[in-house]
Each structure stands twice: as C-alpha cells, then as structure tokens.
Amino acid sequence: MPLFFLHVRDGASLIRDPDGSCIPAIVSAKTETIYSARALMSQSIIADGRFGIHRRFEIFDHEGSTVAVVPSCQAVT
C-alpha cells in the first residue's frame, strides 16, 4: 500500500506529517485529507476561535513529490 504524507501549509509554514499513512490510492488520500482538515478546523475554533480556512494540505508521496493539494475550504463544502 502506498505511503502518503499529509503536510499542512499555514501561510509560509509547512507543518510536516513525520510518519505518513499507508493509504490505498490518491483518491483515498484526498478523502482522508478532508477528514483531517475538518478535525484541524474544529480544534482551531476551540483553541483560539479561528476557523483556519486559509490552510491547505499538501499530499506528498514516499519519494517526496507533491501529488495533490487540498485547500481546507473543500472540507466545508
């Protein structure tokens, strides 16, 4: 099963996913990203009252190549 890393871009900062996740396909990685974005936005609202909609997820493969970018705003549609 492929290994994908779901890094979070918050402005100029890249918050790296150090372990990655074994996910069957890029479509599944995008779905997982939406769930993660929703959880991250919920935590952000609770912690500091910010929605965090400006963030985006950058999905990398095991070779370090970007295979997809998912804006957090897709998690609320």
PDB file of N, CA and C in Angstrom:
ATOM      1  N   MET A   1       0.854  -1.168   0.000  1.00  0.00           N
ATOM      2  CA  MET A   1       0.000   0.000   0.000  1.00  0.00           C
ATOM      3  C   MET A   1       0.905   1.237   0.000  1.00  0.00           C
ATOM      4  N   PRO A   2       0.571   2.226  -0.818  1.00  0.00           N
ATOM      5  CA  PRO A   2       1.397   3.441  -0.903  1.00  0.00           C
ATOM      6  C   PRO A   2       1.414   4.231   0.408  1.00  0.00           C
ATOM      7  N   LEU A   3       2.524   4.907   0.620  1.00  0.00           N
ATOM      8  CA  LEU A   3       2.689   5.763   1.785  1.00  0.00           C
ATOM      9  C   LEU A   3       2.532   7.211   1.342  1.00  0.00           C
ATOM     10  N   PHE A   4       1.602   7.930   1.997  1.00  0.00           N
ATOM     11  CA  PHE A   4       1.366   9.342   1.703  1.00  0.00           C
ATOM     12  C   PHE A   4       1.595  10.164   2.970  1.00  0.00           C
ATOM     13  N   PHE A   5       2.108  11.377   2.781  1.00  0.00           N
ATOM     14  CA  PHE A   5       2.328  12.314   3.868  1.00  0.00           C
ATOM     15  C   PHE A   5       1.385  13.493   3.671  1.00  0.00           C
ATOM     16  N   LEU A   6       0.604  13.802   4.702  1.00  0.00           N
ATOM     17  CA  LEU A   6      -0.385  14.876   4.632  1.00  0.00           C
ATOM     18  C   LEU A   6       0.160  16.087   5.388  1.00  0.00           C
ATOM     19  N   HIS A   7       0.970  16.883   4.711  1.00  0.00           N
ATOM     20  CA  HIS A   7       1.561  18.081   5.301  1.00  0.00           C
ATOM     21  C   HIS A   7       0.537  19.215   5.275  1.00  0.00           C
ATOM     22  N   VAL A   8       0.639  20.114   6.240  1.00  0.00           N
ATOM     23  CA  VAL A   8      -0.283  21.251   6.325  1.00  0.00           C
ATOM     24  C   VAL A   8       0.498  22.539   6.053  1.00  0.00           C
ATOM     25  N   ARG A   9       0.023  23.299   5.094  1.00  0.00           N
ATOM     26  CA  ARG A   9       0.616  24.612   4.779  1.00  0.00           C
ATOM     27  C   ARG A   9      -0.230  25.672   5.480  1.00  0.00           C
ATOM     28  N   ASP A  10       0.402  26.426   6.376  1.00  0.00           N
ATOM     29  CA  ASP A  10      -0.265  27.509   7.099  1.00  0.00           C
ATOM     30  C   ASP A  10       0.540  28.772   6.826  1.00  0.00           C
ATOM     31  N   GLY A  11       0.140  29.523   5.811  1.00  0.00           N
ATOM     32  CA  GLY A  11       0.910  30.686   5.388  1.00  0.00           C
ATOM     33  C   GLY A  11       2.240  30.236   4.808  1.00  0.00           C
ATOM     34  N   ALA A  12       3.321  30.747   5.348  1.00  0.00           N
ATOM     35  CA  ALA A  12       4.655  30.370   4.868  1.00  0.00           C
ATOM     36  C   ALA A  12       5.178  29.110   5.554  1.00  0.00           C
ATOM     37  N   SER A  13       4.500  28.661   6.602  1.00  0.00           N
ATOM     38  CA  SER A  13       4.957  27.498   7.365  1.00  0.00           C
ATOM     39  C   SER A  13       4.400  26.199   6.789  1.00  0.00           C
ATOM     40  N   LEU A  14       5.245  25.181   6.778  1.00  0.00           N
ATOM     41  CA  LEU A  14       4.816  23.841   6.384  1.00  0.00           C
ATOM     42  C   LEU A  14       4.947  22.948   7.605  1.00  0.00           C
ATOM     43  N   ILE A  15       3.827  22.450   8.073  1.00  0.00           N
ATOM     44  CA  ILE A  15       3.797  21.537   9.212  1.00  0.00           C
ATOM     45  C   ILE A  15       3.827  20.130   8.640  1.00  0.00           C
ATOM     46  N   ARG A  16       4.947  19.451   8.848  1.00  0.00           N
ATOM     47  CA  ARG A  16       5.172  18.156   8.218  1.00  0.00           C
ATOM     48  C   ARG A  16       4.534  17.008   8.991  1.00  0.00           C
ATOM     49  N   ASP A  17       3.992  16.087   8.247  1.00  0.00           N
ATOM     50  CA  ASP A  17       3.495  14.823   8.773  1.00  0.00           C
ATOM     51  C   ASP A  17       4.712  13.898   8.833  1.00  0.00           C
ATOM     52  N   PRO A  18       5.252  13.622  10.023  1.00  0.00           N
ATOM     53  CA  PRO A  18       6.506  12.888  10.103  1.00  0.00           C
ATOM     54  C   PRO A  18       6.401  11.401   9.778  1.00  0.00           C
ATOM     55  N   ASP A  19       5.220  10.817   9.974  1.00  0.00           N
ATOM     56  CA  ASP A  19       5.080   9.370   9.826  1.00  0.00           C
ATOM     57  C   ASP A  19       4.418   8.943   8.527  1.00  0.00           C
ATOM     58  N   GLY A  20       3.536   9.767   8.012  1.00  0.00           N
ATOM     59  CA  GLY A  20       2.780   9.379   6.829  1.00  0.00           C
ATOM     60  C   GLY A  20       1.735   8.335   7.172  1.00  0.00           C
ATOM     61  N   SER A  21       0.960   7.969   6.166  1.00  0.00           N
ATOM     62  CA  SER A  21      -0.101   6.976   6.326  1.00  0.00           C
ATOM     63  C   SER A  21      -0.122   6.082   5.101  1.00  0.00           C
ATOM     64  N   CYS A  22      -0.313   4.802   5.337  1.00  0.00           N
ATOM     65  CA  CYS A  22      -0.479   3.865   4.228  1.00  0.00           C
ATOM     66  C   CYS A  22      -1.931   3.956   3.779  1.00  0.00           C
ATOM     67  N   ILE A  23      -2.119   4.460   2.591  1.00  0.00           N
ATOM     68  CA  ILE A  23      -3.460   4.704   2.041  1.00  0.00           C
ATOM     69  C   ILE A  23      -3.482   4.086   0.649  1.00  0.00           C
ATOM     70  N   PRO A  24      -4.561   3.371   0.290  1.00  0.00           N
ATOM     71  CA  PRO A  24      -4.566   2.598  -0.958  1.00  0.00           C
ATOM     72  C   PRO A  24      -4.373   3.384  -2.255  1.00  0.00           C
ATOM     73  N   ALA A  25      -4.848   4.640  -2.306  1.00  0.00           N
ATOM     74  CA  ALA A  25      -4.768   5.389  -3.562  1.00  0.00           C
ATOM     75  C   ALA A  25      -4.867   6.883  -3.269  1.00  0.00           C
ATOM     76  N   ILE A  26      -4.511   7.692  -4.238  1.00  0.00           N
ATOM     77  CA  ILE A  26      -4.546   9.138  -4.067  1.00  0.00           C
ATOM     78  C   ILE A  26      -5.962   9.644  -3.781  1.00  0.00           C
ATOM     79  N   VAL A  27      -6.962   9.008  -4.367  1.00  0.00           N
ATOM     80  CA  VAL A  27      -8.353   9.406  -4.099  1.00  0.00           C
ATOM     81  C   VAL A  27      -8.671   9.215  -2.620  1.00  0.00           C
ATOM     82  N   SER A  28      -8.228   8.112  -2.062  1.00  0.00           N
ATOM     83  CA  SER A  28      -8.435   7.851  -0.633  1.00  0.00           C
ATOM     84  C   SER A  28      -7.645   8.832   0.219  1.00  0.00           C
ATOM     85  N   ALA A  29      -6.454   9.211  -0.240  1.00  0.00           N
ATOM     86  CA  ALA A  29      -5.641  10.193   0.486  1.00  0.00           C
ATOM     87  C   ALA A  29      -6.351  11.541   0.523  1.00  0.00           C
ATOM     88  N   LYS A  30      -6.997  11.923  -0.576  1.00  0.00           N
ATOM     89  CA  LYS A  30      -7.744  13.186  -0.603  1.00  0.00           C
ATOM     90  C   LYS A  30      -8.925  13.136   0.363  1.00  0.00           C
ATOM     91  N   THR A  31      -9.609  12.007   0.420  1.00  0.00           N
ATOM     92  CA  THR A  31     -10.730  11.845   1.358  1.00  0.00           C
ATOM     93  C   THR A  31     -10.232  11.948   2.797  1.00  0.00           C
ATOM     94  N   GLU A  32      -9.135  11.280   3.095  1.00  0.00           N
ATOM     95  CA  GLU A  32      -8.536  11.346   4.429  1.00  0.00           C
ATOM     96  C   GLU A  32      -8.136  12.784   4.775  1.00  0.00           C
ATOM     97  N   THR A  33      -7.664  13.502   3.783  1.00  0.00           N
ATOM     98  CA  THR A  33      -7.277  14.893   3.976  1.00  0.00           C
ATOM     99  C   THR A  33      -8.475  15.749   4.372  1.00  0.00           C
ATOM    100  N   ILE A  34      -9.605  15.524   3.738  1.00  0.00           N
ATOM    101  CA  ILE A  34     -10.827  16.277   4.082  1.00  0.00           C
ATOM    102  C   ILE A  34     -11.208  16.029   5.538  1.00  0.00           C
ATOM    103  N   TYR A  35     -11.157  14.772   5.980  1.00  0.00           N
ATOM    104  CA  TYR A  35     -11.468  14.457   7.379  1.00  0.00           C
ATOM    105  C   TYR A  35     -10.473  15.130   8.323  1.00  0.00           C
ATOM    106  N   SER A  36      -9.205  15.111   7.956  1.00  0.00           N
ATOM    107  CA  SER A  36      -8.174  15.747   8.776  1.00  0.00           C
ATOM    108  C   SER A  36      -8.364  17.259   8.830  1.00  0.00           C
ATOM    109  N   ALA A  37      -8.719  17.861   7.708  1.00  0.00           N
ATOM    110  CA  ALA A  37      -8.953  19.306   7.667  1.00  0.00           C
ATOM    111  C   ALA A  37     -10.110  19.685   8.584  1.00  0.00           C
ATOM    112  N   ARG A  38     -11.165  18.896   8.569  1.00  0.00           N
ATOM    113  CA  ARG A  38     -12.312  19.170   9.445  1.00  0.00           C
ATOM    114  C   ARG A  38     -11.911  19.095  10.912  1.00  0.00           C
ATOM    115  N   ALA A  39     -11.130  18.086  11.266  1.00  0.00           N
ATOM    116  CA  ALA A  39     -10.674  17.936  12.647  1.00  0.00           C
ATOM    117  C   ALA A  39      -9.772  19.094  13.045  1.00  0.00           C
ATOM    118  N   LEU A  40      -8.879  19.483  12.160  1.00  0.00           N
ATOM    119  CA  LEU A  40      -7.966  20.590  12.433  1.00  0.00           C
ATOM    120  C   LEU A  40      -8.732  21.904  12.600  1.00  0.00           C
ATOM    121  N   MET A  41      -9.726  22.139  11.758  1.00  0.00           N
ATOM    122  CA  MET A  41     -10.529  23.360  11.887  1.00  0.00           C
ATOM    123  C   MET A  41     -11.302  23.368  13.198  1.00  0.00           C
ATOM    124  N   SER A  42     -11.853  22.219  13.597  1.00  0.00           N
ATOM    125  CA  SER A  42     -12.586  22.141  14.869  1.00  0.00           C
ATOM    126  C   SER A  42     -11.673  22.463  16.040  1.00  0.00           C
ATOM    127  N   GLN A  43     -10.471  21.894  16.029  1.00  0.00           N
ATOM    128  CA  GLN A  43      -9.508  22.159  17.102  1.00  0.00           C
ATOM    129  C   GLN A  43      -9.109  23.630  17.123  1.00  0.00           C
ATOM    130  N   SER A  44      -8.964  24.208  15.962  1.00  0.00           N
ATOM    131  CA  SER A  44      -8.573  25.613  15.847  1.00  0.00           C
ATOM    132  C   SER A  44      -9.655  26.534  16.411  1.00  0.00           C
ATOM    133  N   ILE A  45     -10.902  26.211  16.141  1.00  0.00           N
ATOM    134  CA  ILE A  45     -12.022  27.006  16.659  1.00  0.00           C
ATOM    135  C   ILE A  45     -12.050  26.934  18.183  1.00  0.00           C
ATOM    136  N   ILE A  46     -11.883  25.738  18.721  1.00  0.00           N
ATOM    137  CA  ILE A  46     -11.913  25.554  20.176  1.00  0.00           C
ATOM    138  C   ILE A  46     -10.730  26.260  20.839  1.00  0.00           C
ATOM    139  N   ALA A  47      -9.551  26.122  20.260  1.00  0.00           N
ATOM    140  CA  ALA A  47      -8.335  26.646  20.883  1.00  0.00           C
ATOM    141  C   ALA A  47      -8.222  28.162  20.831  1.00  0.00           C
ATOM    142  N   ASP A  48      -8.501  28.745  19.650  1.00  0.00           N
ATOM    143  CA  ASP A  48      -8.268  30.184  19.537  1.00  0.00           C
ATOM    144  C   ASP A  48      -9.339  30.942  18.767  1.00  0.00           C
ATOM    145  N   GLY A  49     -10.454  30.299  18.504  1.00  0.00           N
ATOM    146  CA  GLY A  49     -11.561  30.978  17.847  1.00  0.00           C
ATOM    147  C   GLY A  49     -11.349  31.223  16.362  1.00  0.00           C
ATOM    148  N   ARG A  50     -10.300  30.675  15.791  1.00  0.00           N
ATOM    149  CA  ARG A  50     -10.019  30.835  14.354  1.00  0.00           C
ATOM    150  C   ARG A  50     -10.519  29.611  13.594  1.00  0.00           C
ATOM    151  N   PHE A  51     -11.007  29.858  12.416  1.00  0.00           N
ATOM    152  CA  PHE A  51     -11.527  28.780  11.581  1.00  0.00           C
ATOM    153  C   PHE A  51     -10.409  28.026  10.872  1.00  0.00           C
ATOM    154  N   GLY A  52      -9.354  28.711  10.481  1.00  0.00           N
ATOM    155  CA  GLY A  52      -8.233  28.079   9.808  1.00  0.00           C
ATOM    156  C   GLY A  52      -8.507  27.702   8.364  1.00  0.00           C
ATOM    157  N   ILE A  53      -9.459  28.378   7.757  1.00  0.00           N
ATOM    158  CA  ILE A  53      -9.850  28.043   6.380  1.00  0.00           C
ATOM    159  C   ILE A  53      -8.762  28.387   5.362  1.00  0.00           C
ATOM    160  N   HIS A  54      -7.809  29.219   5.747  1.00  0.00           N
ATOM    161  CA  HIS A  54      -6.728  29.629   4.842  1.00  0.00           C
ATOM    162  C   HIS A  54      -5.680  28.526   4.658  1.00  0.00           C
ATOM    163  N   ARG A  55      -5.686  27.512   5.510  1.00  0.00           N
ATOM    164  CA  ARG A  55      -4.694  26.440   5.404  1.00  0.00           C
ATOM    165  C   ARG A  55      -4.973  25.558   4.190  1.00  0.00           C
ATOM    166  N   ARG A  56      -3.954  24.807   3.819  1.00  0.00           N
ATOM    167  CA  ARG A  56      -4.154  23.803   2.772  1.00  0.00           C
ATOM    168  C   ARG A  56      -3.287  22.593   3.100  1.00  0.00           C
ATOM    169  N   PHE A  57      -3.716  21.460   2.623  1.00  0.00           N
ATOM    170  CA  PHE A  57      -2.956  20.229   2.783  1.00  0.00           C
ATOM    171  C   PHE A  57      -2.198  19.951   1.503  1.00  0.00           C
ATOM    172  N   GLU A  58      -0.949  19.578   1.659  1.00  0.00           N
ATOM    173  CA  GLU A  58      -0.127  19.184   0.530  1.00  0.00           C
ATOM    174  C   GLU A  58       0.196  17.709   0.713  1.00  0.00           C
ATOM    175  N   ILE A  59      -0.276  16.901  -0.212  1.00  0.00           N
ATOM    176  CA  ILE A  59      -0.085  15.462  -0.125  1.00  0.00           C
ATOM    177  C   ILE A  59       1.173  15.086  -0.897  1.00  0.00           C
ATOM    178  N   PHE A  60       2.099  14.457  -0.186  1.00  0.00           N
ATOM    179  CA  PHE A  60       3.360  14.020  -0.782  1.00  0.00           C
ATOM    180  C   PHE A  60       3.395  12.497  -0.839  1.00  0.00           C
ATOM    181  N   ASP A  61       4.051  11.957  -1.856  1.00  0.00           N
ATOM    182  CA  ASP A  61       4.252  10.511  -1.913  1.00  0.00           C
ATOM    183  C   ASP A  61       5.534  10.145  -1.167  1.00  0.00           C
ATOM    184  N   HIS A  62       5.878   8.870  -1.144  1.00  0.00           N
ATOM    185  CA  HIS A  62       7.042   8.399  -0.398  1.00  0.00           C
ATOM    186  C   HIS A  62       8.364   8.907  -0.967  1.00  0.00           C
ATOM    187  N   GLU A  63       8.343   9.406  -2.198  1.00  0.00           N
ATOM    188  CA  GLU A  63       9.556   9.944  -2.815  1.00  0.00           C
ATOM    189  C   GLU A  63       9.732  11.440  -2.556  1.00  0.00           C
ATOM    190  N   GLY A  64       8.745  12.049  -1.889  1.00  0.00           N
ATOM    191  CA  GLY A  64       8.828  13.470  -1.576  1.00  0.00           C
ATOM    192  C   GLY A  64       8.239  14.387  -2.630  1.00  0.00           C
ATOM    193  N   SER A  65       7.511  13.812  -3.585  1.00  0.00           N
ATOM    194  CA  SER A  65       6.866  14.614  -4.629  1.00  0.00           C
ATOM    195  C   SER A  65       5.449  14.980  -4.214  1.00  0.00           C
ATOM    196  N   THR A  66       5.057  16.217  -4.512  1.00  0.00           N
ATOM    197  CA  THR A  66       3.685  16.650  -4.253  1.00  0.00           C
ATOM    198  C   THR A  66       2.773  15.986  -5.281  1.00  0.00           C
ATOM    199  N   VAL A  67       1.758  15.266  -4.788  1.00  0.00           N
ATOM    200  CA  VAL A  67       0.824  14.594  -5.700  1.00  0.00           C
ATOM    201  C   VAL A  67      -0.546  15.247  -5.712  1.00  0.00           C
ATOM    202  N   ALA A  68      -0.833  16.080  -4.701  1.00  0.00           N
ATOM    203  CA  ALA A  68      -2.119  16.790  -4.665  1.00  0.00           C
ATOM    204  C   ALA A  68      -2.051  17.898  -3.620  1.00  0.00           C
ATOM    205  N   VAL A  69      -2.874  18.912  -3.831  1.00  0.00           N
ATOM    206  CA  VAL A  69      -3.039  19.996  -2.860  1.00  0.00           C
ATOM    207  C   VAL A  69      -4.543  20.130  -2.615  1.00  0.00           C
ATOM    208  N   VAL A  70      -4.916  20.117  -1.335  1.00  0.00           N
ATOM    209  CA  VAL A  70      -6.326  20.203  -0.967  1.00  0.00           C
ATOM    210  C   VAL A  70      -6.520  21.394  -0.036  1.00  0.00           C
ATOM    211  N   PRO A  71      -7.173  22.465  -0.518  1.00  0.00           N
ATOM    212  CA  PRO A  71      -7.436  23.617   0.342  1.00  0.00           C
ATOM    213  C   PRO A  71      -8.425  23.233   1.458  1.00  0.00           C
ATOM    214  N   SER A  72      -8.241  23.789   2.635  1.00  0.00           N
ATOM    215  CA  SER A  72      -9.146  23.484   3.758  1.00  0.00           C
ATOM    216  C   SER A  72     -10.581  23.856   3.446  1.00  0.00           C
ATOM    217  N   CYS A  73     -10.779  24.843   2.591  1.00  0.00           N
ATOM    218  CA  CYS A  73     -12.151  25.257   2.257  1.00  0.00           C
ATOM    219  C   CYS A  73     -12.954  24.115   1.624  1.00  0.00           C
ATOM    220  N   GLN A  74     -12.298  23.131   1.040  1.00  0.00           N
ATOM    221  CA  GLN A  74     -13.009  21.985   0.465  1.00  0.00           C
ATOM    222  C   GLN A  74     -13.645  21.118   1.562  1.00  0.00           C
ATOM    223  N   ALA A  75     -13.181  21.274   2.791  1.00  0.00           N
ATOM    224  CA  ALA A  75     -13.714  20.471   3.902  1.00  0.00           C
ATOM    225  C   ALA A  75     -15.060  20.995   4.392  1.00  0.00           C
ATOM    226  N   VAL A  76     -15.455  22.180   3.965  1.00  0.00           N
ATOM    227  CA  VAL A  76     -16.726  22.744   4.419  1.00  0.00           C
ATOM    228  C   VAL A  76     -17.772  22.768   3.316  1.00  0.00           C
ATOM    229  N   THR A  77     -17.482  22.168   2.201  1.00  0.00           N
ATOM    230  CA  THR A  77     -18.460  22.137   1.113  1.00  0.00           C
ATOM    231  C   THR A  77     -19.105  20.781   0.993  1.00  0.00           C
TER     232      THR A  77
END
